[in-house]
Amino acid sequence: MNILWDFDGTLFDTYPAYTNMLADVLGERDIYKQLKISYSHALQHYKISSEQQEELNKLKLIRKR
């Protein structure tokens, strides 16, 4: 089985979606710069709490539909 992961926007530009989700949760607007480093870096940079992580997970599910 071959699996292709595209977390850096090579095939699909996911940065706008993740920027919007984090902005909704954090109320921040300068998130794109941190996301360009990595998603996990952005979470660490903004010190995402477990409650915020749960909210992000819910937003991911809702926006996938």
Protein backbone atom coordinates (compact mmCIF):
# COMPACT_ATOMS: atom_id res chain seq x y z
CA MET A 1 0.00 0.00 0.00
CA ASN A 2 1.33 3.43 -0.92
CA ILE A 3 0.16 6.46 1.00
CA LEU A 4 0.80 10.03 -0.08
CA TRP A 5 0.88 12.73 2.59
CA ASP A 6 0.62 16.34 1.46
CA PHE A 7 0.95 18.48 4.55
CA ASP A 8 3.04 21.22 3.02
CA GLY A 9 0.68 22.42 0.33
CA THR A 10 2.41 20.82 -2.65
CA LEU A 11 -0.68 19.19 -4.14
CA PHE A 12 -3.42 20.96 -2.20
CA ASP A 13 -3.14 24.44 -0.75
CA THR A 14 -4.37 23.74 2.77
CA TYR A 15 -2.79 26.82 4.33
CA PRO A 16 -5.88 29.04 3.95
CA ALA A 17 -8.12 26.46 5.65
CA TYR A 18 -5.74 25.89 8.56
CA THR A 19 -5.06 29.62 8.88
CA ASN A 20 -8.79 30.29 9.10
CA MET A 21 -9.37 27.50 11.64
CA LEU A 22 -6.58 28.69 13.91
CA ALA A 23 -7.74 32.30 13.53
CA ASP A 24 -11.26 31.25 14.55
CA VAL A 25 -9.96 29.51 17.67
CA LEU A 26 -7.24 31.99 18.65
CA GLY A 27 -8.58 35.28 17.37
CA GLU A 28 -5.13 35.86 15.84
CA ARG A 29 -4.51 36.98 12.28
CA ASP A 30 -0.75 36.50 11.77
CA ILE A 31 -0.93 32.70 11.75
CA TYR A 32 0.16 31.98 8.18
CA LYS A 33 3.82 32.75 8.93
CA GLN A 34 3.88 30.17 11.73
CA LEU A 35 2.01 27.58 9.67
CA LYS A 36 4.56 27.88 6.87
CA ILE A 37 7.13 26.48 9.32
CA SER A 38 4.80 23.62 10.28
CA TYR A 39 1.40 22.94 11.79
CA SER A 40 2.96 21.54 14.97
CA HIS A 41 5.22 24.59 15.22
CA ALA A 42 2.17 26.87 15.03
CA LEU A 43 0.45 24.89 17.79
CA GLN A 44 3.52 25.20 20.00
CA HIS A 45 4.07 28.86 19.13
CA TYR A 46 0.53 29.79 20.15
CA LYS A 47 0.58 27.42 23.15
CA ILE A 48 -2.63 25.68 22.10
CA SER A 49 -4.49 24.35 25.11
CA SER A 50 -6.23 20.99 25.15
CA GLU A 51 -9.60 22.80 24.92
CA GLN A 52 -8.41 24.73 21.86
CA GLN A 53 -7.09 21.51 20.31
CA GLU A 54 -10.51 19.91 20.78
CA GLU A 55 -12.13 22.91 19.11
CA LEU A 56 -9.68 22.65 16.19
CA ASN A 57 -10.47 18.94 15.83
CA LYS A 58 -14.20 19.73 15.69
CA LEU A 59 -13.61 22.42 13.07
CA LYS A 60 -11.56 19.99 10.96
CA LEU A 61 -14.46 17.51 10.97
CA ILE A 62 -17.05 20.15 10.15
CA ARG A 63 -15.04 21.70 7.33
CA LYS A 64 -14.26 18.33 5.72
CA ARG A 65 -17.93 17.82 4.95
